[in-house]
């Protein structure tokens, strides 16, 4: 079987390929009466859109979204919302060599092993191009959770991390790396330029914070908020690791160090003195900011020749032509935000279904 849908109550399905005529998403379970227009979706797609700087793929896609159903007079109807984004700048001829041999690190061999047939043009369904549909669906999810603010940004690129003491939220939207540290953003220009010039690529780490999530969202044991988030993030192309809160660092702390002490608050809710848990305990939101980090591997499509095999199992060497991101993590920040929004919208509706508020 193939699984192209995600969510329980708020559910979305993506469709389309990298070099097909279009791609998109169908969002089901969205409550009726919410304000929604194409203008509400487009700004999020513009953040993910390719070709916006020399540090991303130069494929020129406007990524203009069309709402085909589920919205009437600027409001959701409660029926499936169909979203479509046309592909207008494909160059399938760049992938003639990929048809005969597998790109190491990419999904070429795995898809062939599973299906015995694959769309090699740009990676087909396994291409990061698919994430445009997720971002569109994520924009719909944001309409369900207006009380939540979601912010994603890069904290590391090519092994070079930001200085946390220099963190400036205002910087995130002023540079092409979604970087909150101006000095790091300048360093990263050289790292990405060098990777591109050498025909290689680099990885990155994206951090995402959701503020305003009420205590109580999430459910034990098999719909835990953190497990749903981990599943959502791991479904993003090139993601190889997810951390919630302190993540792996928590294993290096003592019990008292890792605890999130609480003191009485004026409204009857606790004041937390730390957030090692990343805003989630027992799979349920605590009311603190939800914090996660996503590790993305270097782009697998590179100009540097790499040893491989062809479809007949014979030794070969491949050098991937075409237009590719030297760091796929740069444009992943809007995708991580979208998946956070999609999970939180689903968890909000699940919570309302059981608790009633």
C-alpha atoms as a PDB file:
ATOM      1  CA  UNK A   1       0.000   0.000   0.000  1.00  0.00           C
ATOM      2  CA  UNK A   2       0.950   3.641  -0.376  1.00  0.00           C
ATOM      3  CA  UNK A   3       0.138   6.174   2.316  1.00  0.00           C
ATOM      4  CA  UNK A   4      -0.397   9.705   1.092  1.00  0.00           C
ATOM      5  CA  UNK A   5      -2.652  10.977   3.890  1.00  0.00           C
ATOM      6  CA  UNK A   6      -1.923  12.261   7.385  1.00  0.00           C
ATOM      7  CA  UNK A   7      -4.099  13.171  10.354  1.00  0.00           C
ATOM      8  CA  UNK A   8      -7.057  11.774  12.265  1.00  0.00           C
ATOM      9  CA  UNK A   9      -9.827  14.386  12.405  1.00  0.00           C
ATOM     10  CA  UNK A  10      -8.115  17.178  10.467  1.00  0.00           C
ATOM     11  CA  UNK A  11      -6.750  15.084   7.608  1.00  0.00           C
ATOM     12  CA  UNK A  12      -4.898  15.953   4.426  1.00  0.00           C
ATOM     13  CA  UNK A  13      -3.800  14.029   1.340  1.00  0.00           C
ATOM     14  CA  UNK A  14      -1.116  15.266  -1.039  1.00  0.00           C
ATOM     15  CA  UNK A  15      -0.914  14.324  -4.694  1.00  0.00           C
ATOM     16  CA  UNK A  16       1.321  15.012  -7.695  1.00  0.00           C
ATOM     17  CA  UNK A  17       4.936  14.645  -8.768  1.00  0.00           C
ATOM     18  CA  UNK A  18       7.928  16.910  -9.247  1.00  0.00           C
ATOM     19  CA  UNK A  19       7.626  17.044 -13.036  1.00  0.00           C
ATOM     20  CA  UNK A  20       3.918  16.372 -13.466  1.00  0.00           C
ATOM     21  CA  UNK A  21       1.503  19.068 -14.638  1.00  0.00           C
ATOM     22  CA  UNK A  22       0.532  20.005 -11.085  1.00  0.00           C
ATOM     23  CA  UNK A  23       0.558  18.949  -7.450  1.00  0.00           C
ATOM     24  CA  UNK A  24      -1.687  19.715  -4.544  1.00  0.00           C
ATOM     25  CA  UNK A  25      -3.536  18.652  -1.431  1.00  0.00           C
ATOM     26  CA  UNK A  26      -7.030  17.745  -0.327  1.00  0.00           C
ATOM     27  CA  UNK A  27      -7.821  18.842   3.234  1.00  0.00           C
ATOM     28  CA  UNK A  28     -10.748  17.127   4.957  1.00  0.00           C
ATOM     29  CA  UNK A  29     -12.216  17.675   8.410  1.00  0.00           C
ATOM     30  CA  UNK A  30     -11.775  21.439   8.442  1.00  0.00           C
ATOM     31  CA  UNK A  31     -14.536  23.122  10.486  1.00  0.00           C
ATOM     32  CA  UNK A  32     -16.974  25.270   8.491  1.00  0.00           C
ATOM     33  CA  UNK A  33     -17.183  29.031   8.596  1.00  0.00           C
ATOM     34  CA  UNK A  34     -13.464  29.806   8.914  1.00  0.00           C
ATOM     35  CA  UNK A  35     -12.155  32.734   6.816  1.00  0.00           C
ATOM     36  CA  UNK A  36      -9.968  31.360   4.016  1.00  0.00           C
ATOM     37  CA  UNK A  37      -8.869  32.679   0.625  1.00  0.00           C
ATOM     38  CA  UNK A  38      -5.970  32.023  -1.714  1.00  0.00           C
ATOM     39  CA  UNK A  39      -4.389  35.200  -0.341  1.00  0.00           C
ATOM     40  CA  UNK A  40      -4.234  33.543   3.094  1.00  0.00           C
ATOM     41  CA  UNK A  41      -2.295  30.582   1.675  1.00  0.00           C
ATOM     42  CA  UNK A  42       0.043  32.280  -0.802  1.00  0.00           C
ATOM     43  CA  UNK A  43       2.430  34.033   1.651  1.00  0.00           C
ATOM     44  CA  UNK A  44       3.419  30.688   3.194  1.00  0.00           C
ATOM     45  CA  UNK A  45       4.076  29.189  -0.234  1.00  0.00           C
ATOM     46  CA  UNK A  46       6.169  32.210  -1.169  1.00  0.00           C
ATOM     47  CA  UNK A  47       8.469  31.463   1.768  1.00  0.00           C
ATOM     48  CA  UNK A  48       9.105  27.937   0.489  1.00  0.00           C
ATOM     49  CA  UNK A  49       9.164  28.849  -3.221  1.00  0.00           C
ATOM     50  CA  UNK A  50      12.325  27.918  -5.169  1.00  0.00           C
ATOM     51  CA  UNK A  51      14.543  30.346  -7.028  1.00  0.00           C
ATOM     52  CA  UNK A  52      14.304  33.182  -4.498  1.00  0.00           C
ATOM     53  CA  UNK A  53      18.071  33.419  -3.909  1.00  0.00           C
ATOM     54  CA  UNK A  54      21.343  31.985  -5.190  1.00  0.00           C
ATOM     55  CA  UNK A  55      21.377  29.648  -2.191  1.00  0.00           C
ATOM     56  CA  UNK A  56      18.444  27.513  -3.402  1.00  0.00           C
ATOM     57  CA  UNK A  57      17.536  25.652  -6.573  1.00  0.00           C
ATOM     58  CA  UNK A  58      17.133  27.978  -9.553  1.00  0.00           C
ATOM     59  CA  UNK A  59      13.997  26.228 -10.736  1.00  0.00           C
ATOM     60  CA  UNK A  60      11.540  29.089 -11.270  1.00  0.00           C
ATOM     61  CA  UNK A  61       8.117  28.134  -9.919  1.00  0.00           C
ATOM     62  CA  UNK A  62       5.565  30.831  -8.986  1.00  0.00           C
ATOM     63  CA  UNK A  63       3.753  28.273  -6.792  1.00  0.00           C
ATOM     64  CA  UNK A  64       0.440  30.055  -7.260  1.00  0.00           C
ATOM     65  CA  UNK A  65      -2.246  28.166  -5.364  1.00  0.00           C
ATOM     66  CA  UNK A  66      -5.823  27.668  -6.530  1.00  0.00           C
ATOM     67  CA  UNK A  67      -8.664  26.653  -4.229  1.00  0.00           C
ATOM     68  CA  UNK A  68     -10.864  24.284  -6.224  1.00  0.00           C
ATOM     69  CA  UNK A  69     -13.426  23.330  -3.597  1.00  0.00           C
ATOM     70  CA  UNK A  70     -14.463  23.592   0.046  1.00  0.00           C
ATOM     71  CA  UNK A  71     -14.586  27.400   0.212  1.00  0.00           C
ATOM     72  CA  UNK A  72     -17.533  29.648  -0.593  1.00  0.00           C
ATOM     73  CA  UNK A  73     -17.598  33.423  -0.319  1.00  0.00           C
ATOM     74  CA  UNK A  74     -14.296  33.422   1.531  1.00  0.00           C
ATOM     75  CA  UNK A  75     -15.255  30.867   4.182  1.00  0.00           C
ATOM     76  CA  UNK A  76     -14.738  27.139   4.593  1.00  0.00           C
ATOM     77  CA  UNK A  77     -17.845  25.039   4.000  1.00  0.00           C
ATOM     78  CA  UNK A  78     -16.866  21.973   6.037  1.00  0.00           C
ATOM     79  CA  UNK A  79     -16.423  19.911   2.872  1.00  0.00           C
ATOM     80  CA  UNK A  80     -13.072  18.795   1.400  1.00  0.00           C
ATOM     81  CA  UNK A  81     -10.800  21.683   0.457  1.00  0.00           C
ATOM     82  CA  UNK A  82      -8.916  20.939  -2.752  1.00  0.00           C
ATOM     83  CA  UNK A  83      -5.739  22.932  -3.444  1.00  0.00           C
ATOM     84  CA  UNK A  84      -3.745  22.909  -6.679  1.00  0.00           C
ATOM     85  CA  UNK A  85      -0.313  24.281  -7.597  1.00  0.00           C
ATOM     86  CA  UNK A  86       0.813  24.064 -11.221  1.00  0.00           C
ATOM     87  CA  UNK A  87       4.348  23.049 -12.226  1.00  0.00           C
ATOM     88  CA  UNK A  88       5.595  25.424 -14.919  1.00  0.00           C
ATOM     89  CA  UNK A  89       9.403  25.084 -15.033  1.00  0.00           C
ATOM     90  CA  UNK A  90      10.241  21.391 -15.343  1.00  0.00           C
ATOM     91  CA  UNK A  91      13.338  20.213 -17.224  1.00  0.00           C
ATOM     92  CA  UNK A  92      12.856  16.465 -17.392  1.00  0.00           C
ATOM     93  CA  UNK A  93      15.740  16.032 -19.849  1.00  0.00           C
ATOM     94  CA  UNK A  94      18.156  16.762 -16.991  1.00  0.00           C
ATOM     95  CA  UNK A  95      17.273  13.382 -15.499  1.00  0.00           C
ATOM     96  CA  UNK A  96      18.099  11.050 -18.388  1.00  0.00           C
ATOM     97  CA  UNK A  97      21.037   9.534 -16.484  1.00  0.00           C
ATOM     98  CA  UNK A  98      18.892   9.011 -13.384  1.00  0.00           C
ATOM     99  CA  UNK A  99      16.606   6.792 -15.469  1.00  0.00           C
ATOM    100  CA  UNK A 100      19.429   4.296 -15.918  1.00  0.00           C
ATOM    101  CA  UNK A 101      21.315   4.503 -12.611  1.00  0.00           C
ATOM    102  CA  UNK A 102      20.433   5.178  -8.988  1.00  0.00           C
ATOM    103  CA  UNK A 103      21.460   8.285  -7.048  1.00  0.00           C
ATOM    104  CA  UNK A 104      23.049   7.143  -3.759  1.00  0.00           C
ATOM    105  CA  UNK A 105      21.276   8.660  -0.773  1.00  0.00           C
ATOM    106  CA  UNK A 106      18.142   9.335  -2.811  1.00  0.00           C
ATOM    107  CA  UNK A 107      14.997   7.196  -2.947  1.00  0.00           C
ATOM    108  CA  UNK A 108      15.664   5.907  -6.473  1.00  0.00           C
ATOM    109  CA  UNK A 109      16.670   2.358  -5.570  1.00  0.00           C
ATOM    110  CA  UNK A 110      14.141   2.029  -2.727  1.00  0.00           C
ATOM    111  CA  UNK A 111      11.243   3.064  -4.984  1.00  0.00           C
ATOM    112  CA  UNK A 112      12.386   0.676  -7.706  1.00  0.00           C
ATOM    113  CA  UNK A 113      12.753  -2.139  -5.188  1.00  0.00           C
ATOM    114  CA  UNK A 114       9.210  -1.556  -3.929  1.00  0.00           C
ATOM    115  CA  UNK A 115       7.283  -0.804  -7.109  1.00  0.00           C
ATOM    116  CA  UNK A 116       9.483  -2.146  -9.917  1.00  0.00           C
ATOM    117  CA  UNK A 117       8.774   1.133 -11.674  1.00  0.00           C
ATOM    118  CA  UNK A 118       9.408   4.776 -10.833  1.00  0.00           C
ATOM    119  CA  UNK A 119       9.061   8.306 -12.127  1.00  0.00           C
ATOM    120  CA  UNK A 120      12.710   9.370 -12.300  1.00  0.00           C
ATOM    121  CA  UNK A 121      11.989  12.955 -13.406  1.00  0.00           C
ATOM    122  CA  UNK A 122      13.229  15.018 -10.487  1.00  0.00           C
ATOM    123  CA  UNK A 123      12.545  12.121  -8.155  1.00  0.00           C
ATOM    124  CA  UNK A 124       8.836  12.031  -8.927  1.00  0.00           C
ATOM    125  CA  UNK A 125       6.872  11.567  -5.722  1.00  0.00           C
ATOM    126  CA  UNK A 126      10.018  11.420  -3.562  1.00  0.00           C
ATOM    127  CA  UNK A 127      11.052  14.925  -4.602  1.00  0.00           C
ATOM    128  CA  UNK A 128      11.039  17.774  -2.079  1.00  0.00           C
ATOM    129  CA  UNK A 129       8.721  19.471  -4.588  1.00  0.00           C
ATOM    130  CA  UNK A 130       5.905  17.540  -2.868  1.00  0.00           C
ATOM    131  CA  UNK A 131       6.341  19.701   0.221  1.00  0.00           C
ATOM    132  CA  UNK A 132       4.698  22.664  -1.538  1.00  0.00           C
ATOM    133  CA  UNK A 133       1.388  20.828  -1.110  1.00  0.00           C
ATOM    134  CA  UNK A 134       2.077  20.386   2.614  1.00  0.00           C
ATOM    135  CA  UNK A 135       2.717  24.101   3.022  1.00  0.00           C
ATOM    136  CA  UNK A 136      -0.587  24.884   1.310  1.00  0.00           C
ATOM    137  CA  UNK A 137      -2.418  22.439   3.590  1.00  0.00           C
ATOM    138  CA  UNK A 138      -0.582  23.903   6.581  1.00  0.00           C
ATOM    139  CA  UNK A 139      -1.964  27.334   5.750  1.00  0.00           C
ATOM    140  CA  UNK A 140      -5.471  25.892   6.066  1.00  0.00           C
ATOM    141  CA  UNK A 141      -4.499  24.348   9.413  1.00  0.00           C
ATOM    142  CA  UNK A 142      -3.436  27.766  10.708  1.00  0.00           C
ATOM    143  CA  UNK A 143      -7.023  28.947  10.262  1.00  0.00           C
ATOM    144  CA  UNK A 144      -8.082  26.261  12.758  1.00  0.00           C
ATOM    145  CA  UNK A 145      -5.528  27.329  15.411  1.00  0.00           C
ATOM    146  CA  UNK A 146      -5.453  31.152  15.371  1.00  0.00           C
ATOM    147  CA  UNK A 147      -4.410  31.124  19.046  1.00  0.00           C
ATOM    148  CA  UNK A 148      -1.062  29.511  18.177  1.00  0.00           C
ATOM    149  CA  UNK A 149       2.069  31.253  16.850  1.00  0.00           C
ATOM    150  CA  UNK A 150       4.490  28.990  14.992  1.00  0.00           C
ATOM    151  CA  UNK A 151       8.033  29.998  14.097  1.00  0.00           C
ATOM    152  CA  UNK A 152      10.744  27.886  12.446  1.00  0.00           C
ATOM    153  CA  UNK A 153      14.323  28.896  11.739  1.00  0.00           C
ATOM    154  CA  UNK A 154      17.732  27.372  11.052  1.00  0.00           C
ATOM    155  CA  UNK A 155      20.045  26.946  14.018  1.00  0.00           C
ATOM    156  CA  UNK A 156      22.811  25.078  12.201  1.00  0.00           C
ATOM    157  CA  UNK A 157      24.026  24.759   8.603  1.00  0.00           C
ATOM    158  CA  UNK A 158      26.933  22.679   7.376  1.00  0.00           C
ATOM    159  CA  UNK A 159      28.009  22.004  10.959  1.00  0.00           C
ATOM    160  CA  UNK A 160      28.129  25.725  11.847  1.00  0.00           C
ATOM    161  CA  UNK A 161      25.691  26.683  14.644  1.00  0.00           C
ATOM    162  CA  UNK A 162      24.167  30.010  15.610  1.00  0.00           C
ATOM    163  CA  UNK A 163      25.182  31.914  18.736  1.00  0.00           C
ATOM    164  CA  UNK A 164      22.150  31.588  21.023  1.00  0.00           C
ATOM    165  CA  UNK A 165      23.100  34.767  22.858  1.00  0.00           C
ATOM    166  CA  UNK A 166      22.765  36.647  19.543  1.00  0.00           C
ATOM    167  CA  UNK A 167      19.278  35.271  18.798  1.00  0.00           C
ATOM    168  CA  UNK A 168      17.127  37.957  17.166  1.00  0.00           C
ATOM    169  CA  UNK A 169      13.652  36.979  15.947  1.00  0.00           C
ATOM    170  CA  UNK A 170      13.543  40.043  13.701  1.00  0.00           C
ATOM    171  CA  UNK A 171      16.479  38.656  11.694  1.00  0.00           C
ATOM    172  CA  UNK A 172      14.658  35.489  10.592  1.00  0.00           C
ATOM    173  CA  UNK A 173      12.764  37.131   7.740  1.00  0.00           C
ATOM    174  CA  UNK A 174      15.624  39.391   6.622  1.00  0.00           C
ATOM    175  CA  UNK A 175      18.030  36.760   5.253  1.00  0.00           C
ATOM    176  CA  UNK A 176      17.646  33.786   2.874  1.00  0.00           C
ATOM    177  CA  UNK A 177      18.467  31.224   5.582  1.00  0.00           C
ATOM    178  CA  UNK A 178      15.645  31.908   8.059  1.00  0.00           C
ATOM    179  CA  UNK A 179      18.494  32.517  10.498  1.00  0.00           C
ATOM    180  CA  UNK A 180      18.018  34.404  13.805  1.00  0.00           C
ATOM    181  CA  UNK A 181      21.733  35.242  14.060  1.00  0.00           C
ATOM    182  CA  UNK A 182      22.955  37.870  11.572  1.00  0.00           C
ATOM    183  CA  UNK A 183      26.615  36.882  11.906  1.00  0.00           C
ATOM    184  CA  UNK A 184      25.838  33.205  11.308  1.00  0.00           C
ATOM    185  CA  UNK A 185      23.785  34.091   8.220  1.00  0.00           C
ATOM    186  CA  UNK A 186      26.813  35.857   6.760  1.00  0.00           C
ATOM    187  CA  UNK A 187      29.029  32.831   7.433  1.00  0.00           C
ATOM    188  CA  UNK A 188      26.486  30.519   5.875  1.00  0.00           C
ATOM    189  CA  UNK A 189      26.620  32.416   2.594  1.00  0.00           C
ATOM    190  CA  UNK A 190      30.199  31.242   2.152  1.00  0.00           C
ATOM    191  CA  UNK A 191      29.432  27.683   3.249  1.00  0.00           C
ATOM    192  CA  UNK A 192      26.599  27.283   0.733  1.00  0.00           C
ATOM    193  CA  UNK A 193      28.496  29.035  -2.063  1.00  0.00           C
ATOM    194  CA  UNK A 194      31.474  26.720  -1.543  1.00  0.00           C
ATOM    195  CA  UNK A 195      29.239  23.641  -1.518  1.00  0.00           C
ATOM    196  CA  UNK A 196      27.576  24.677  -4.757  1.00  0.00           C
ATOM    197  CA  UNK A 197      30.854  25.531  -6.499  1.00  0.00           C
ATOM    198  CA  UNK A 198      32.384  22.209  -5.503  1.00  0.00           C
ATOM    199  CA  UNK A 199      29.343  20.283  -6.745  1.00  0.00           C
ATOM    200  CA  UNK A 200      28.424  19.140  -3.257  1.00  0.00           C
ATOM    201  CA  UNK A 201      25.801  19.921  -0.592  1.00  0.00           C
ATOM    202  CA  UNK A 202      25.419  20.457   3.166  1.00  0.00           C
ATOM    203  CA  UNK A 203      22.895  19.558   5.845  1.00  0.00           C
ATOM    204  CA  UNK A 204      21.078  21.712   8.385  1.00  0.00           C
ATOM    205  CA  UNK A 205      19.100  21.732  11.624  1.00  0.00           C
ATOM    206  CA  UNK A 206      15.755  23.529  11.834  1.00  0.00           C
ATOM    207  CA  UNK A 207      14.205  24.500  15.157  1.00  0.00           C
ATOM    208  CA  UNK A 208      10.475  25.141  15.480  1.00  0.00           C
ATOM    209  CA  UNK A 209       8.595  26.733  18.378  1.00  0.00           C
ATOM    210  CA  UNK A 210       4.812  26.829  18.815  1.00  0.00           C
ATOM    211  CA  UNK A 211       3.531  29.322  21.390  1.00  0.00           C
ATOM    212  CA  UNK A 212      -0.007  29.575  22.672  1.00  0.00           C
ATOM    213  CA  UNK A 213      -0.797  25.851  22.663  1.00  0.00           C
ATOM    214  CA  UNK A 214      -3.167  25.314  25.617  1.00  0.00           C
ATOM    215  CA  UNK A 215      -2.454  22.704  28.258  1.00  0.00           C
ATOM    216  CA  UNK A 216      -4.372  19.524  27.469  1.00  0.00           C
ATOM    217  CA  UNK A 217      -3.927  19.057  23.727  1.00  0.00           C
ATOM    218  CA  UNK A 218      -2.627  15.588  22.926  1.00  0.00           C
ATOM    219  CA  UNK A 219      -3.715  12.165  24.080  1.00  0.00           C
ATOM    220  CA  UNK A 220      -2.111   9.105  25.660  1.00  0.00           C
ATOM    221  CA  UNK A 221      -0.951   6.618  24.620  1.00  0.00           C
ATOM    222  CA  UNK A 222      -1.073   6.243  20.856  1.00  0.00           C
ATOM    223  CA  UNK A 223      -1.913   9.794  19.840  1.00  0.00           C
ATOM    224  CA  UNK A 224       0.743  11.496  21.928  1.00  0.00           C
ATOM    225  CA  UNK A 225       1.416  15.006  20.771  1.00  0.00           C
ATOM    226  CA  UNK A 226       5.158  14.371  20.636  1.00  0.00           C
ATOM    227  CA  UNK A 227       4.801  11.090  18.741  1.00  0.00           C
ATOM    228  CA  UNK A 228       2.457  12.724  16.221  1.00  0.00           C
ATOM    229  CA  UNK A 229       4.937  15.562  15.761  1.00  0.00           C
ATOM    230  CA  UNK A 230       7.844  13.141  15.372  1.00  0.00           C
ATOM    231  CA  UNK A 231       5.923  11.182  12.740  1.00  0.00           C
ATOM    232  CA  UNK A 232       4.988  14.364  10.886  1.00  0.00           C
ATOM    233  CA  UNK A 233       8.535  15.701  10.871  1.00  0.00           C
ATOM    234  CA  UNK A 234      10.100  12.384   9.857  1.00  0.00           C
ATOM    235  CA  UNK A 235       7.761  12.307   6.850  1.00  0.00           C
ATOM    236  CA  UNK A 236       9.479  15.408   5.421  1.00  0.00           C
ATOM    237  CA  UNK A 237      12.016  14.692   2.675  1.00  0.00           C
ATOM    238  CA  UNK A 238      15.651  14.470   3.879  1.00  0.00           C
ATOM    239  CA  UNK A 239      14.781  14.496   7.601  1.00  0.00           C
ATOM    240  CA  UNK A 240      16.897  11.989   9.535  1.00  0.00           C
ATOM    241  CA  UNK A 241      16.280  13.029  13.137  1.00  0.00           C
ATOM    242  CA  UNK A 242      13.784  14.795  15.413  1.00  0.00           C
ATOM    243  CA  UNK A 243      14.254  16.126  18.944  1.00  0.00           C
ATOM    244  CA  UNK A 244      11.534  17.308  21.334  1.00  0.00           C
ATOM    245  CA  UNK A 245      12.682  19.756  23.994  1.00  0.00           C
ATOM    246  CA  UNK A 246      16.213  18.916  25.113  1.00  0.00           C
ATOM    247  CA  UNK A 247      16.063  15.736  23.065  1.00  0.00           C
ATOM    248  CA  UNK A 248      19.235  13.667  23.289  1.00  0.00           C
ATOM    249  CA  UNK A 249      20.775  16.154  25.715  1.00  0.00           C
ATOM    250  CA  UNK A 250      18.181  15.084  28.292  1.00  0.00           C
ATOM    251  CA  UNK A 251      19.924  11.713  28.511  1.00  0.00           C
ATOM    252  CA  UNK A 252      23.012  13.502  29.812  1.00  0.00           C
ATOM    253  CA  UNK A 253      21.208  15.280  32.673  1.00  0.00           C
ATOM    254  CA  UNK A 254      20.328  14.165  36.182  1.00  0.00           C
ATOM    255  CA  UNK A 255      16.719  13.916  37.293  1.00  0.00           C
ATOM    256  CA  UNK A 256      16.771  17.224  39.126  1.00  0.00           C
ATOM    257  CA  UNK A 257      18.483  18.951  36.208  1.00  0.00           C
ATOM    258  CA  UNK A 258      15.943  17.632  33.712  1.00  0.00           C
ATOM    259  CA  UNK A 259      12.889  18.482  35.831  1.00  0.00           C
ATOM    260  CA  UNK A 260      10.729  21.451  34.872  1.00  0.00           C
ATOM    261  CA  UNK A 261       9.999  22.989  38.319  1.00  0.00           C
ATOM    262  CA  UNK A 262       6.599  24.600  38.860  1.00  0.00           C
ATOM    263  CA  UNK A 263       5.476  27.440  41.106  1.00  0.00           C
ATOM    264  CA  UNK A 264       1.920  28.706  41.716  1.00  0.00           C
ATOM    265  CA  UNK A 265       0.565  31.196  39.192  1.00  0.00           C
ATOM    266  CA  UNK A 266      -2.006  33.918  39.786  1.00  0.00           C
ATOM    267  CA  UNK A 267      -4.592  32.235  37.547  1.00  0.00           C
ATOM    268  CA  UNK A 268      -4.370  28.811  39.161  1.00  0.00           C
ATOM    269  CA  UNK A 269      -2.070  27.497  36.458  1.00  0.00           C
ATOM    270  CA  UNK A 270       1.579  26.770  37.191  1.00  0.00           C
ATOM    271  CA  UNK A 271       4.529  28.942  36.311  1.00  0.00           C
ATOM    272  CA  UNK A 272       7.250  26.720  34.872  1.00  0.00           C
ATOM    273  CA  UNK A 273      10.845  27.560  35.707  1.00  0.00           C
ATOM    274  CA  UNK A 274      12.285  25.494  32.822  1.00  0.00           C
ATOM    275  CA  UNK A 275      11.151  23.746  29.636  1.00  0.00           C
ATOM    276  CA  UNK A 276      13.412  20.744  29.158  1.00  0.00           C
ATOM    277  CA  UNK A 277      10.379  18.691  28.066  1.00  0.00           C
ATOM    278  CA  UNK A 278       9.650  20.989  25.137  1.00  0.00           C
ATOM    279  CA  UNK A 279       6.115  21.763  26.266  1.00  0.00           C
ATOM    280  CA  UNK A 280       4.891  18.158  26.285  1.00  0.00           C
ATOM    281  CA  UNK A 281       4.535  15.706  29.190  1.00  0.00           C
ATOM    282  CA  UNK A 282       2.974  12.259  28.855  1.00  0.00           C
ATOM    283  CA  UNK A 283       2.100  13.119  25.282  1.00  0.00           C
ATOM    284  CA  UNK A 284      -0.036  16.083  26.391  1.00  0.00           C
ATOM    285  CA  UNK A 285       0.726  19.800  26.045  1.00  0.00           C
ATOM    286  CA  UNK A 286       1.654  21.540  29.301  1.00  0.00           C
ATOM    287  CA  UNK A 287       0.876  25.060  28.083  1.00  0.00           C
ATOM    288  CA  UNK A 288       4.544  25.907  27.643  1.00  0.00           C
ATOM    289  CA  UNK A 289       6.038  26.605  24.204  1.00  0.00           C
ATOM    290  CA  UNK A 290       6.399  23.434  22.155  1.00  0.00           C
ATOM    291  CA  UNK A 291       9.986  23.166  20.978  1.00  0.00           C
ATOM    292  CA  UNK A 292      11.416  20.707  18.475  1.00  0.00           C
ATOM    293  CA  UNK A 293      14.421  20.386  16.195  1.00  0.00           C
ATOM    294  CA  UNK A 294      14.707  18.599  12.865  1.00  0.00           C
ATOM    295  CA  UNK A 295      17.966  17.346  11.317  1.00  0.00           C
ATOM    296  CA  UNK A 296      18.124  17.324   7.517  1.00  0.00           C
ATOM    297  CA  UNK A 297      20.794  15.463   5.581  1.00  0.00           C
ATOM    298  CA  UNK A 298      22.759  17.016   2.704  1.00  0.00           C
ATOM    299  CA  UNK A 299      20.957  17.038  -0.636  1.00  0.00           C
ATOM    300  CA  UNK A 300      21.519  13.702  -2.407  1.00  0.00           C
ATOM    301  CA  UNK A 301      21.446  15.142  -5.938  1.00  0.00           C
ATOM    302  CA  UNK A 302      24.991  16.489  -6.410  1.00  0.00           C
ATOM    303  CA  UNK A 303      27.374  17.190  -9.282  1.00  0.00           C
ATOM    304  CA  UNK A 304      30.251  15.309  -7.650  1.00  0.00           C
ATOM    305  CA  UNK A 305      30.538  11.823  -9.239  1.00  0.00           C
ATOM    306  CA  UNK A 306      29.467   9.031  -6.863  1.00  0.00           C
ATOM    307  CA  UNK A 307      29.773   5.260  -7.269  1.00  0.00           C
ATOM    308  CA  UNK A 308      26.468   3.465  -7.801  1.00  0.00           C
ATOM    309  CA  UNK A 309      24.811   0.664  -9.787  1.00  0.00           C
ATOM    310  CA  UNK A 310      22.456   0.779 -12.740  1.00  0.00           C
ATOM    311  CA  UNK A 311      19.052  -0.911 -12.997  1.00  0.00           C
ATOM    312  CA  UNK A 312      20.736  -4.105 -14.212  1.00  0.00           C
ATOM    313  CA  UNK A 313      22.910  -4.214 -11.104  1.00  0.00           C
ATOM    314  CA  UNK A 314      26.110  -3.276 -12.904  1.00  0.00           C
ATOM    315  CA  UNK A 315      28.707  -0.920 -11.441  1.00  0.00           C
ATOM    316  CA  UNK A 316      28.289   2.673 -12.554  1.00  0.00           C
ATOM    317  CA  UNK A 317      29.090   6.239 -11.621  1.00  0.00           C
ATOM    318  CA  UNK A 318      26.553   9.042 -11.493  1.00  0.00           C
ATOM    319  CA  UNK A 319      26.786  12.805 -11.511  1.00  0.00           C
ATOM    320  CA  UNK A 320      23.337  14.377 -11.048  1.00  0.00           C
ATOM    321  CA  UNK A 321      22.632  17.202 -13.461  1.00  0.00           C
ATOM    322  CA  UNK A 322      19.807  19.686 -13.104  1.00  0.00           C
ATOM    323  CA  UNK A 323      18.889  22.379 -10.604  1.00  0.00           C
ATOM    324  CA  UNK A 324      19.100  21.372  -6.969  1.00  0.00           C
ATOM    325  CA  UNK A 325      19.273  22.953  -3.531  1.00  0.00           C
ATOM    326  CA  UNK A 326      22.834  22.887  -2.192  1.00  0.00           C
ATOM    327  CA  UNK A 327      21.156  22.776   1.247  1.00  0.00           C
ATOM    328  CA  UNK A 328      17.636  21.385   1.289  1.00  0.00           C
ATOM    329  CA  UNK A 329      17.345  22.487   4.918  1.00  0.00           C
ATOM    330  CA  UNK A 330      17.030  26.154   3.951  1.00  0.00           C
ATOM    331  CA  UNK A 331      13.588  25.796   2.385  1.00  0.00           C
ATOM    332  CA  UNK A 332      12.580  23.212   4.991  1.00  0.00           C
ATOM    333  CA  UNK A 333      11.770  25.849   7.618  1.00  0.00           C
ATOM    334  CA  UNK A 334       8.331  26.703   6.111  1.00  0.00           C
ATOM    335  CA  UNK A 335       7.648  22.982   5.672  1.00  0.00           C
ATOM    336  CA  UNK A 336       8.414  22.262   9.337  1.00  0.00           C
ATOM    337  CA  UNK A 337       6.070  25.103  10.319  1.00  0.00           C
ATOM    338  CA  UNK A 338       3.344  23.636   8.108  1.00  0.00           C
ATOM    339  CA  UNK A 339       3.649  20.157   9.608  1.00  0.00           C
ATOM    340  CA  UNK A 340       3.563  21.644  13.114  1.00  0.00           C
ATOM    341  CA  UNK A 341       0.350  23.498  12.215  1.00  0.00           C
ATOM    342  CA  UNK A 342      -1.223  20.399  10.685  1.00  0.00           C
ATOM    343  CA  UNK A 343      -0.540  18.283  13.770  1.00  0.00           C
ATOM    344  CA  UNK A 344      -1.752  20.964  16.183  1.00  0.00           C
ATOM    345  CA  UNK A 345      -4.972  21.545  14.223  1.00  0.00           C
ATOM    346  CA  UNK A 346      -5.660  17.818  14.314  1.00  0.00           C
ATOM    347  CA  UNK A 347      -4.883  17.601  18.034  1.00  0.00           C
ATOM    348  CA  UNK A 348      -7.124  20.567  18.811  1.00  0.00           C
ATOM    349  CA  UNK A 349     -10.075  18.910  17.080  1.00  0.00           C
ATOM    350  CA  UNK A 350      -9.320  15.574  18.754  1.00  0.00           C
ATOM    351  CA  UNK A 351      -9.269  17.320  22.109  1.00  0.00           C
ATOM    352  CA  UNK A 352     -12.591  19.028  21.404  1.00  0.00           C
ATOM    353  CA  UNK A 353     -14.143  15.736  20.305  1.00  0.00           C
ATOM    354  CA  UNK A 354     -13.298  14.059  23.625  1.00  0.00           C
ATOM    355  CA  UNK A 355     -13.403  16.919  26.129  1.00  0.00           C
ATOM    356  CA  UNK A 356     -15.943  19.138  24.421  1.00  0.00           C
ATOM    357  CA  UNK A 357     -14.018  22.407  24.627  1.00  0.00           C
END
